[in-house]
Amino acid sequence: MGKTVEVKVIDIVKGTTANLMYAEKGKLFYKVENDTHVYIFPVDFTDIEDVGETRFEVEYKAVTLMRYINKAIKKDLLVFYKK
């Protein structure tokens, strides 16, 4: 089995920007980079109860999308790698 790595949301969102990479199968994929890692997470924009009438932009302060980063971590959907 692989080694479990603890990811802290604050390390992802502090002073960073989230940029839209692409959309696929009802999900938007955003990328956040800090000094050491690149993080990619999905936002399910078909879940109307969750997103409502939100207009998703190409770029956000990463902290703005923190709820979706947390969801990705909890559902094991956050992809990350060292630079």
PDB file of N, CA and C in Angstrom:
ATOM      1  N   MET A   1       0.829  -1.185   0.000  1.00  0.00           N
ATOM      2  CA  MET A   1       0.000   0.000   0.000  1.00  0.00           C
ATOM      3  C   MET A   1       0.868   1.242   0.000  1.00  0.00           C
ATOM      4  N   GLY A   2       0.321   2.317  -0.572  1.00  0.00           N
ATOM      5  CA  GLY A   2       1.039   3.580  -0.634  1.00  0.00           C
ATOM      6  C   GLY A   2       1.027   4.307   0.689  1.00  0.00           C
ATOM      7  N   LYS A   3       1.917   5.242   0.789  1.00  0.00           N
ATOM      8  CA  LYS A   3       2.029   6.060   1.996  1.00  0.00           C
ATOM      9  C   LYS A   3       0.933   7.113   1.995  1.00  0.00           C
ATOM     10  N   THR A   4       0.259   7.290   3.127  1.00  0.00           N
ATOM     11  CA  THR A   4      -0.778   8.306   3.257  1.00  0.00           C
ATOM     12  C   THR A   4      -0.121   9.646   3.564  1.00  0.00           C
ATOM     13  N   VAL A   5      -0.496  10.653   2.804  1.00  0.00           N
ATOM     14  CA  VAL A   5       0.054  11.988   2.996  1.00  0.00           C
ATOM     15  C   VAL A   5      -1.068  12.898   3.471  1.00  0.00           C
ATOM     16  N   GLU A   6      -0.817  13.612   4.563  1.00  0.00           N
ATOM     17  CA  GLU A   6      -1.814  14.538   5.084  1.00  0.00           C
ATOM     18  C   GLU A   6      -1.682  15.869   4.345  1.00  0.00           C
ATOM     19  N   VAL A   7      -2.776  16.318   3.796  1.00  0.00           N
ATOM     20  CA  VAL A   7      -2.809  17.584   3.078  1.00  0.00           C
ATOM     21  C   VAL A   7      -3.586  18.576   3.920  1.00  0.00           C
ATOM     22  N   LYS A   8      -2.990  19.734   4.149  1.00  0.00           N
ATOM     23  CA  LYS A   8      -3.651  20.790   4.914  1.00  0.00           C
ATOM     24  C   LYS A   8      -4.163  21.844   3.943  1.00  0.00           C
ATOM     25  N   VAL A   9      -5.444  22.146   4.046  1.00  0.00           N
ATOM     26  CA  VAL A   9      -6.070  23.109   3.149  1.00  0.00           C
ATOM     27  C   VAL A   9      -5.367  24.456   3.212  1.00  0.00           C
ATOM     28  N   ILE A  10      -4.972  24.885   4.391  1.00  0.00           N
ATOM     29  CA  ILE A  10      -4.320  26.188   4.534  1.00  0.00           C
ATOM     30  C   ILE A  10      -3.044  26.255   3.699  1.00  0.00           C
ATOM     31  N   ASP A  11      -2.324  25.137   3.566  1.00  0.00           N
ATOM     32  CA  ASP A  11      -1.103  25.110   2.757  1.00  0.00           C
ATOM     33  C   ASP A  11      -1.412  25.272   1.263  1.00  0.00           C
ATOM     34  N   ILE A  12      -2.607  24.897   0.869  1.00  0.00           N
ATOM     35  CA  ILE A  12      -3.012  25.018  -0.529  1.00  0.00           C
ATOM     36  C   ILE A  12      -3.496  26.433  -0.832  1.00  0.00           C
ATOM     37  N   VAL A  13      -4.304  27.005   0.041  1.00  0.00           N
ATOM     38  CA  VAL A  13      -4.986  28.266  -0.284  1.00  0.00           C
ATOM     39  C   VAL A  13      -4.251  29.536   0.136  1.00  0.00           C
ATOM     40  N   LYS A  14      -3.308  29.433   1.033  1.00  0.00           N
ATOM     41  CA  LYS A  14      -2.645  30.633   1.555  1.00  0.00           C
ATOM     42  C   LYS A  14      -1.829  31.337   0.463  1.00  0.00           C
ATOM     43  N   GLY A  15      -2.308  32.513   0.053  1.00  0.00           N
ATOM     44  CA  GLY A  15      -1.597  33.340  -0.907  1.00  0.00           C
ATOM     45  C   GLY A  15      -1.521  32.800  -2.318  1.00  0.00           C
ATOM     46  N   THR A  16      -2.438  31.903  -2.685  1.00  0.00           N
ATOM     47  CA  THR A  16      -2.379  31.289  -4.018  1.00  0.00           C
ATOM     48  C   THR A  16      -3.625  31.621  -4.845  1.00  0.00           C
ATOM     49  N   THR A  17      -3.532  31.282  -6.101  1.00  0.00           N
ATOM     50  CA  THR A  17      -4.612  31.503  -7.051  1.00  0.00           C
ATOM     51  C   THR A  17      -5.026  30.165  -7.650  1.00  0.00           C
ATOM     52  N   ALA A  18      -6.327  29.989  -7.852  1.00  0.00           N
ATOM     53  CA  ALA A  18      -6.851  28.800  -8.527  1.00  0.00           C
ATOM     54  C   ALA A  18      -7.189  29.191  -9.967  1.00  0.00           C
ATOM     55  N   ASN A  19      -6.699  28.400 -10.912  1.00  0.00           N
ATOM     56  CA  ASN A  19      -6.931  28.668 -12.331  1.00  0.00           C
ATOM     57  C   ASN A  19      -7.657  27.498 -12.975  1.00  0.00           C
ATOM     58  N   LEU A  20      -8.682  27.814 -13.748  1.00  0.00           N
ATOM     59  CA  LEU A  20      -9.441  26.781 -14.452  1.00  0.00           C
ATOM     60  C   LEU A  20      -8.556  26.146 -15.511  1.00  0.00           C
ATOM     61  N   MET A  21      -8.458  24.828 -15.475  1.00  0.00           N
ATOM     62  CA  MET A  21      -7.665  24.092 -16.460  1.00  0.00           C
ATOM     63  C   MET A  21      -8.540  23.639 -17.620  1.00  0.00           C
ATOM     64  N   TYR A  22      -9.653  22.943 -17.284  1.00  0.00           N
ATOM     65  CA  TYR A  22     -10.549  22.419 -18.308  1.00  0.00           C
ATOM     66  C   TYR A  22     -11.858  21.979 -17.675  1.00  0.00           C
ATOM     67  N   ALA A  23     -12.843  21.705 -18.516  1.00  0.00           N
ATOM     68  CA  ALA A  23     -14.133  21.168 -18.075  1.00  0.00           C
ATOM     69  C   ALA A  23     -14.333  19.830 -18.776  1.00  0.00           C
ATOM     70  N   GLU A  24     -14.857  18.855 -18.010  1.00  0.00           N
ATOM     71  CA  GLU A  24     -15.079  17.531 -18.584  1.00  0.00           C
ATOM     72  C   GLU A  24     -16.159  16.802 -17.781  1.00  0.00           C
ATOM     73  N   LYS A  25     -17.131  16.252 -18.474  1.00  0.00           N
ATOM     74  CA  LYS A  25     -18.176  15.427 -17.864  1.00  0.00           C
ATOM     75  C   LYS A  25     -18.844  16.100 -16.664  1.00  0.00           C
ATOM     76  N   GLY A  26     -19.192  17.370 -16.808  1.00  0.00           N
ATOM     77  CA  GLY A  26     -19.909  18.085 -15.759  1.00  0.00           C
ATOM     78  C   GLY A  26     -19.051  18.585 -14.620  1.00  0.00           C
ATOM     79  N   LYS A  27     -17.732  18.521 -14.791  1.00  0.00           N
ATOM     80  CA  LYS A  27     -16.832  18.991 -13.740  1.00  0.00           C
ATOM     81  C   LYS A  27     -15.856  20.015 -14.303  1.00  0.00           C
ATOM     82  N   LEU A  28     -15.564  21.010 -13.466  1.00  0.00           N
ATOM     83  CA  LEU A  28     -14.525  21.977 -13.771  1.00  0.00           C
ATOM     84  C   LEU A  28     -13.290  21.553 -12.990  1.00  0.00           C
ATOM     85  N   PHE A  29     -12.141  21.605 -13.606  1.00  0.00           N
ATOM     86  CA  PHE A  29     -10.906  21.225 -12.929  1.00  0.00           C
ATOM     87  C   PHE A  29     -10.032  22.457 -12.764  1.00  0.00           C
ATOM     88  N   TYR A  30      -9.757  22.778 -11.493  1.00  0.00           N
ATOM     89  CA  TYR A  30      -8.938  23.931 -11.153  1.00  0.00           C
ATOM     90  C   TYR A  30      -7.566  23.470 -10.677  1.00  0.00           C
ATOM     91  N   LYS A  31      -6.565  24.317 -10.941  1.00  0.00           N
ATOM     92  CA  LYS A  31      -5.190  24.044 -10.519  1.00  0.00           C
ATOM     93  C   LYS A  31      -4.720  25.170  -9.597  1.00  0.00           C
ATOM     94  N   VAL A  32      -4.069  24.771  -8.509  1.00  0.00           N
ATOM     95  CA  VAL A  32      -3.469  25.708  -7.565  1.00  0.00           C
ATOM     96  C   VAL A  32      -2.004  25.309  -7.409  1.00  0.00           C
ATOM     97  N   GLU A  33      -1.121  26.305  -7.460  1.00  0.00           N
ATOM     98  CA  GLU A  33       0.301  26.043  -7.253  1.00  0.00           C
ATOM     99  C   GLU A  33       0.809  26.868  -6.083  1.00  0.00           C
ATOM    100  N   ASN A  34       1.586  26.216  -5.218  1.00  0.00           N
ATOM    101  CA  ASN A  34       2.313  26.963  -4.204  1.00  0.00           C
ATOM    102  C   ASN A  34       3.802  26.755  -4.470  1.00  0.00           C
ATOM    103  N   ASP A  35       4.658  27.088  -3.532  1.00  0.00           N
ATOM    104  CA  ASP A  35       6.099  26.996  -3.774  1.00  0.00           C
ATOM    105  C   ASP A  35       6.590  25.580  -4.023  1.00  0.00           C
ATOM    106  N   THR A  36       5.892  24.598  -3.473  1.00  0.00           N
ATOM    107  CA  THR A  36       6.405  23.224  -3.539  1.00  0.00           C
ATOM    108  C   THR A  36       5.537  22.231  -4.308  1.00  0.00           C
ATOM    109  N   HIS A  37       4.234  22.522  -4.447  1.00  0.00           N
ATOM    110  CA  HIS A  37       3.321  21.545  -5.029  1.00  0.00           C
ATOM    111  C   HIS A  37       2.360  22.165  -6.042  1.00  0.00           C
ATOM    112  N   VAL A  38       1.792  21.282  -6.844  1.00  0.00           N
ATOM    113  CA  VAL A  38       0.690  21.618  -7.743  1.00  0.00           C
ATOM    114  C   VAL A  38      -0.494  20.770  -7.288  1.00  0.00           C
ATOM    115  N   TYR A  39      -1.665  21.399  -7.155  1.00  0.00           N
ATOM    116  CA  TYR A  39      -2.883  20.718  -6.709  1.00  0.00           C
ATOM    117  C   TYR A  39      -3.955  20.878  -7.779  1.00  0.00           C
ATOM    118  N   ILE A  40      -4.678  19.812  -8.056  1.00  0.00           N
ATOM    119  CA  ILE A  40      -5.767  19.850  -9.027  1.00  0.00           C
ATOM    120  C   ILE A  40      -6.992  19.237  -8.364  1.00  0.00           C
ATOM    121  N   PHE A  41      -8.125  19.929  -8.494  1.00  0.00           N
ATOM    122  CA  PHE A  41      -9.346  19.435  -7.862  1.00  0.00           C
ATOM    123  C   PHE A  41     -10.551  19.743  -8.756  1.00  0.00           C
ATOM    124  N   PRO A  42     -11.588  18.902  -8.652  1.00  0.00           N
ATOM    125  CA  PRO A  42     -12.797  19.111  -9.455  1.00  0.00           C
ATOM    126  C   PRO A  42     -13.863  19.905  -8.712  1.00  0.00           C
ATOM    127  N   VAL A  43     -14.693  20.575  -9.487  1.00  0.00           N
ATOM    128  CA  VAL A  43     -15.899  21.222  -8.985  1.00  0.00           C
ATOM    129  C   VAL A  43     -17.038  20.693  -9.839  1.00  0.00           C
ATOM    130  N   ASP A  44     -17.986  19.994  -9.222  1.00  0.00           N
ATOM    131  CA  ASP A  44     -19.129  19.433  -9.941  1.00  0.00           C
ATOM    132  C   ASP A  44     -20.170  20.525 -10.149  1.00  0.00           C
ATOM    133  N   PHE A  45     -20.182  21.118 -11.341  1.00  0.00           N
ATOM    134  CA  PHE A  45     -21.122  22.212 -11.579  1.00  0.00           C
ATOM    135  C   PHE A  45     -22.504  21.726 -11.991  1.00  0.00           C
ATOM    136  N   THR A  46     -22.726  20.414 -12.037  1.00  0.00           N
ATOM    137  CA  THR A  46     -24.069  19.884 -12.301  1.00  0.00           C
ATOM    138  C   THR A  46     -24.860  19.693 -11.015  1.00  0.00           C
ATOM    139  N   ASP A  47     -24.201  19.807  -9.862  1.00  0.00           N
ATOM    140  CA  ASP A  47     -24.868  19.657  -8.570  1.00  0.00           C
ATOM    141  C   ASP A  47     -25.507  21.000  -8.197  1.00  0.00           C
ATOM    142  N   ILE A  48     -26.706  21.230  -8.699  1.00  0.00           N
ATOM    143  CA  ILE A  48     -27.391  22.510  -8.532  1.00  0.00           C
ATOM    144  C   ILE A  48     -27.641  22.844  -7.060  1.00  0.00           C
ATOM    145  N   GLU A  49     -27.878  21.843  -6.226  1.00  0.00           N
ATOM    146  CA  GLU A  49     -28.076  22.109  -4.802  1.00  0.00           C
ATOM    147  C   GLU A  49     -26.811  22.694  -4.173  1.00  0.00           C
ATOM    148  N   ASP A  50     -25.665  22.333  -4.690  1.00  0.00           N
ATOM    149  CA  ASP A  50     -24.399  22.817  -4.152  1.00  0.00           C
ATOM    150  C   ASP A  50     -23.981  24.146  -4.781  1.00  0.00           C
ATOM    151  N   VAL A  51     -24.039  24.245  -6.086  1.00  0.00           N
ATOM    152  CA  VAL A  51     -23.524  25.443  -6.763  1.00  0.00           C
ATOM    153  C   VAL A  51     -24.581  26.494  -7.057  1.00  0.00           C
ATOM    154  N   GLY A  52     -25.842  26.095  -7.031  1.00  0.00           N
ATOM    155  CA  GLY A  52     -26.924  27.051  -7.284  1.00  0.00           C
ATOM    156  C   GLY A  52     -26.767  27.714  -8.640  1.00  0.00           C
ATOM    157  N   GLU A  53     -26.792  29.029  -8.645  1.00  0.00           N
ATOM    158  CA  GLU A  53     -26.655  29.779  -9.888  1.00  0.00           C
ATOM    159  C   GLU A  53     -25.281  30.434  -9.995  1.00  0.00           C
ATOM    160  N   THR A  54     -24.306  29.816  -9.362  1.00  0.00           N
ATOM    161  CA  THR A  54     -22.949  30.353  -9.356  1.00  0.00           C
ATOM    162  C   THR A  54     -22.392  30.459 -10.767  1.00  0.00           C
ATOM    163  N   ARG A  55     -21.732  31.560 -11.004  1.00  0.00           N
ATOM    164  CA  ARG A  55     -20.994  31.738 -12.256  1.00  0.00           C
ATOM    165  C   ARG A  55     -19.532  31.465 -11.936  1.00  0.00           C
ATOM    166  N   PHE A  56     -18.961  30.469 -12.571  1.00  0.00           N
ATOM    167  CA  PHE A  56     -17.575  30.116 -12.299  1.00  0.00           C
ATOM    168  C   PHE A  56     -16.646  30.894 -13.216  1.00  0.00           C
ATOM    169  N   GLU A  57     -15.644  31.491 -12.608  1.00  0.00           N
ATOM    170  CA  GLU A  57     -14.665  32.298 -13.321  1.00  0.00           C
ATOM    171  C   GLU A  57     -13.426  31.460 -13.650  1.00  0.00           C
ATOM    172  N   VAL A  58     -12.596  31.997 -14.514  1.00  0.00           N
ATOM    173  CA  VAL A  58     -11.367  31.321 -14.922  1.00  0.00           C
ATOM    174  C   VAL A  58     -10.330  31.363 -13.803  1.00  0.00           C
ATOM    175  N   GLU A  59     -10.357  32.415 -12.995  1.00  0.00           N
ATOM    176  CA  GLU A  59      -9.366  32.567 -11.947  1.00  0.00           C
ATOM    177  C   GLU A  59     -10.014  33.102 -10.669  1.00  0.00           C
ATOM    178  N   TYR A  60      -9.571  32.548  -9.545  1.00  0.00           N
ATOM    179  CA  TYR A  60     -10.034  32.970  -8.217  1.00  0.00           C
ATOM    180  C   TYR A  60      -8.849  32.990  -7.272  1.00  0.00           C
ATOM    181  N   LYS A  61      -8.980  33.725  -6.183  1.00  0.00           N
ATOM    182  CA  LYS A  61      -8.087  33.485  -5.061  1.00  0.00           C
ATOM    183  C   LYS A  61      -8.460  32.079  -4.596  1.00  0.00           C
ATOM    184  N   ALA A  62      -7.473  31.263  -4.348  1.00  0.00           N
ATOM    185  CA  ALA A  62      -7.745  29.861  -4.008  1.00  0.00           C
ATOM    186  C   ALA A  62      -8.644  29.720  -2.792  1.00  0.00           C
ATOM    187  N   VAL A  63      -8.536  30.632  -1.835  1.00  0.00           N
ATOM    188  CA  VAL A  63      -9.356  30.557  -0.630  1.00  0.00           C
ATOM    189  C   VAL A  63     -10.847  30.608  -0.977  1.00  0.00           C
ATOM    190  N   THR A  64     -11.201  31.252  -2.077  1.00  0.00           N
ATOM    191  CA  THR A  64     -12.599  31.347  -2.510  1.00  0.00           C
ATOM    192  C   THR A  64     -13.178  29.973  -2.827  1.00  0.00           C
ATOM    193  N   LEU A  65     -12.339  29.059  -3.280  1.00  0.00           N
ATOM    194  CA  LEU A  65     -12.798  27.711  -3.647  1.00  0.00           C
ATOM    195  C   LEU A  65     -12.463  26.669  -2.580  1.00  0.00           C
ATOM    196  N   MET A  66     -12.184  27.140  -1.375  1.00  0.00           N
ATOM    197  CA  MET A  66     -11.786  26.245  -0.293  1.00  0.00           C
ATOM    198  C   MET A  66     -12.806  25.139  -0.024  1.00  0.00           C
ATOM    199  N   ARG A  67     -14.093  25.448  -0.123  1.00  0.00           N
ATOM    200  CA  ARG A  67     -15.108  24.414   0.124  1.00  0.00           C
ATOM    201  C   ARG A  67     -14.965  23.251  -0.852  1.00  0.00           C
ATOM    202  N   TYR A  68     -14.612  23.546  -2.105  1.00  0.00           N
ATOM    203  CA  TYR A  68     -14.456  22.492  -3.105  1.00  0.00           C
ATOM    204  C   TYR A  68     -13.135  21.739  -2.915  1.00  0.00           C
ATOM    205  N   ILE A  69     -12.124  22.419  -2.434  1.00  0.00           N
ATOM    206  CA  ILE A  69     -10.867  21.742  -2.114  1.00  0.00           C
ATOM    207  C   ILE A  69     -11.100  20.770  -0.958  1.00  0.00           C
ATOM    208  N   ASN A  70     -11.821  21.217   0.068  1.00  0.00           N
ATOM    209  CA  ASN A  70     -12.154  20.329   1.194  1.00  0.00           C
ATOM    210  C   ASN A  70     -12.942  19.114   0.731  1.00  0.00           C
ATOM    211  N   LYS A  71     -13.912  19.327  -0.147  1.00  0.00           N
ATOM    212  CA  LYS A  71     -14.695  18.195  -0.671  1.00  0.00           C
ATOM    213  C   LYS A  71     -13.803  17.226  -1.421  1.00  0.00           C
ATOM    214  N   ALA A  72     -12.888  17.753  -2.218  1.00  0.00           N
ATOM    215  CA  ALA A  72     -11.976  16.897  -2.980  1.00  0.00           C
ATOM    216  C   ALA A  72     -11.088  16.077  -2.049  1.00  0.00           C
ATOM    217  N   ILE A  73     -10.623  16.691  -0.970  1.00  0.00           N
ATOM    218  CA  ILE A  73      -9.802  15.957  -0.003  1.00  0.00           C
ATOM    219  C   ILE A  73     -10.617  14.843   0.645  1.00  0.00           C
ATOM    220  N   LYS A  74     -11.831  15.176   1.100  1.00  0.00           N
ATOM    221  CA  LYS A  74     -12.674  14.183   1.777  1.00  0.00           C
ATOM    222  C   LYS A  74     -13.056  13.023   0.860  1.00  0.00           C
ATOM    223  N   LYS A  75     -13.255  13.309  -0.423  1.00  0.00           N
ATOM    224  CA  LYS A  75     -13.649  12.270  -1.379  1.00  0.00           C
ATOM    225  C   LYS A  75     -12.447  11.642  -2.088  1.00  0.00           C
ATOM    226  N   ASP A  76     -11.237  11.997  -1.652  1.00  0.00           N
ATOM    227  CA  ASP A  76      -9.994  11.486  -2.232  1.00  0.00           C
ATOM    228  C   ASP A  76      -9.897  11.796  -3.741  1.00  0.00           C
ATOM    229  N   LEU A  77     -10.299  13.013  -4.109  1.00  0.00           N
ATOM    230  CA  LEU A  77     -10.270  13.448  -5.505  1.00  0.00           C
ATOM    231  C   LEU A  77      -9.215  14.527  -5.769  1.00  0.00           C
ATOM    232  N   LEU A  78      -8.517  14.939  -4.713  1.00  0.00           N
ATOM    233  CA  LEU A  78      -7.470  15.948  -4.873  1.00  0.00           C
ATOM    234  C   LEU A  78      -6.224  15.269  -5.432  1.00  0.00           C
ATOM    235  N   VAL A  79      -5.744  15.774  -6.547  1.00  0.00           N
ATOM    236  CA  VAL A  79      -4.518  15.265  -7.149  1.00  0.00           C
ATOM    237  C   VAL A  79      -3.430  16.287  -6.860  1.00  0.00           C
ATOM    238  N   PHE A  80      -2.276  15.835  -6.428  1.00  0.00           N
ATOM    239  CA  PHE A  80      -1.187  16.775  -6.186  1.00  0.00           C
ATOM    240  C   PHE A  80       0.159  16.095  -6.406  1.00  0.00           C
ATOM    241  N   TYR A  81       1.143  16.921  -6.733  1.00  0.00           N
ATOM    242  CA  TYR A  81       2.488  16.433  -6.948  1.00  0.00           C
ATOM    243  C   TYR A  81       3.494  17.536  -6.654  1.00  0.00           C
ATOM    244  N   LYS A  82       4.724  17.115  -6.361  1.00  0.00           N
ATOM    245  CA  LYS A  82       5.792  18.076  -6.103  1.00  0.00           C
ATOM    246  C   LYS A  82       6.236  18.683  -7.409  1.00  0.00           C
ATOM    247  N   LYS A  83       6.631  19.953  -7.334  1.00  0.00           N
ATOM    248  CA  LYS A  83       7.169  20.627  -8.508  1.00  0.00           C
ATOM    249  C   LYS A  83       8.532  20.100  -8.849  1.00  0.00           C
TER     250      LYS A  83
END
